[in-house]
Every structure is written in C-alpha cells, then in structure tokens.
Amino acid sequence: MADNKIHIPSSQGGLVRYSEESTSKISVKPEHVIAAIVIVIVGEILLHII
C-alpha cells in the first residue's frame, strides 16, 4: 500500500505570480476607509435613536 503515492506535476505547482506594479486611477488610503465605515456606523446608530 505504501507504493501507491500520488505525484503532482512539477511544472507550476499551483503558484501564480502577478505583476507587483499595479497602477490604479483611484487611490484610497486605509485611514479614509476606516473613517468612512465609522461615519456610516455612527449614522446608523443616530437613525435608530431618532
């Protein structure tokens, strides 16, 4: 039974490389995203209170 091994082809092994140089027209800082989420949460809380 130990002789029945499964061999994976060594051509790529499931690794995919993408270009590290991606340029986007829209650039958003993580701080702005977090601030927007906090504003939405506070707005939802205020709407439930009113």
C-alpha atoms as a PDB file:
ATOM      1  CA  MET A   1       0.000   0.000   0.000  1.00  0.00           C
ATOM      2  CA  ALA A   2       2.882   2.440   0.591  1.00  0.00           C
ATOM      3  CA  ASP A   3       3.830   2.203  -3.093  1.00  0.00           C
ATOM      4  CA  ASN A   4       0.590   3.899  -4.242  1.00  0.00           C
ATOM      5  CA  LYS A   5       1.733   7.522  -3.991  1.00  0.00           C
ATOM      6  CA  ILE A   6       0.195  10.437  -5.837  1.00  0.00           C
ATOM      7  CA  HIS A   7       2.681  12.615  -7.703  1.00  0.00           C
ATOM      8  CA  ILE A   8       1.915  16.196  -8.637  1.00  0.00           C
ATOM      9  CA  PRO A   9       3.475  17.517 -11.840  1.00  0.00           C
ATOM     10  CA  SER A  10       6.295  19.907 -11.000  1.00  0.00           C
ATOM     11  CA  SER A  11       5.575  22.332 -13.853  1.00  0.00           C
ATOM     12  CA  GLN A  12       3.973  25.121 -11.769  1.00  0.00           C
ATOM     13  CA  GLY A  13       2.698  23.522  -8.601  1.00  0.00           C
ATOM     14  CA  GLY A  14      -0.276  25.903  -8.328  1.00  0.00           C
ATOM     15  CA  LEU A  15       1.829  29.044  -7.856  1.00  0.00           C
ATOM     16  CA  VAL A  16       0.677  32.145  -9.668  1.00  0.00           C
ATOM     17  CA  ARG A  17       2.669  35.375  -9.793  1.00  0.00           C
ATOM     18  CA  TYR A  18       1.001  38.656 -10.559  1.00  0.00           C
ATOM     19  CA  SER A  19       2.726  41.860 -11.505  1.00  0.00           C
ATOM     20  CA  GLU A  20       3.749  43.867  -8.451  1.00  0.00           C
ATOM     21  CA  GLU A  21       3.484  47.100 -10.403  1.00  0.00           C
ATOM     22  CA  SER A  22      -0.234  47.754 -10.472  1.00  0.00           C
ATOM     23  CA  THR A  23      -1.252  51.323 -11.046  1.00  0.00           C
ATOM     24  CA  SER A  24      -4.776  52.440 -10.270  1.00  0.00           C
ATOM     25  CA  LYS A  25      -6.506  55.692 -11.116  1.00  0.00           C
ATOM     26  CA  ILE A  26      -8.305  55.604  -7.762  1.00  0.00           C
ATOM     27  CA  SER A  27      -6.122  55.586  -4.671  1.00  0.00           C
ATOM     28  CA  VAL A  28      -7.769  55.403  -1.237  1.00  0.00           C
ATOM     29  CA  LYS A  29      -5.829  55.384   1.994  1.00  0.00           C
ATOM     30  CA  PRO A  30      -6.821  52.788   4.618  1.00  0.00           C
ATOM     31  CA  GLU A  31      -7.441  55.591   7.126  1.00  0.00           C
ATOM     32  CA  HIS A  32     -10.101  57.072   4.843  1.00  0.00           C
ATOM     33  CA  VAL A  33     -11.847  53.723   4.501  1.00  0.00           C
ATOM     34  CA  ILE A  34     -11.921  53.225   8.277  1.00  0.00           C
ATOM     35  CA  ALA A  35     -13.199  56.790   8.775  1.00  0.00           C
ATOM     36  CA  ALA A  36     -15.986  56.219   6.245  1.00  0.00           C
ATOM     37  CA  ILE A  37     -17.019  52.994   7.989  1.00  0.00           C
ATOM     38  CA  VAL A  38     -17.101  54.732  11.374  1.00  0.00           C
ATOM     39  CA  ILE A  39     -19.209  57.561   9.928  1.00  0.00           C
ATOM     40  CA  VAL A  40     -21.699  55.067   8.463  1.00  0.00           C
ATOM     41  CA  ILE A  41     -21.932  53.186  11.783  1.00  0.00           C
ATOM     42  CA  VAL A  42     -22.483  56.409  13.762  1.00  0.00           C
ATOM     43  CA  GLY A  43     -25.092  57.499  11.208  1.00  0.00           C
ATOM     44  CA  GLU A  44     -26.938  54.190  11.548  1.00  0.00           C
ATOM     45  CA  ILE A  45     -26.920  54.477  15.345  1.00  0.00           C
ATOM     46  CA  LEU A  46     -28.260  58.037  15.145  1.00  0.00           C
ATOM     47  CA  LEU A  47     -31.031  56.958  12.760  1.00  0.00           C
ATOM     48  CA  HIS A  48     -32.120  54.214  15.148  1.00  0.00           C
ATOM     49  CA  ILE A  49     -32.164  56.614  18.099  1.00  0.00           C
ATOM     50  CA  ILE A  50     -34.150  59.336  16.326  1.00  0.00           C
END
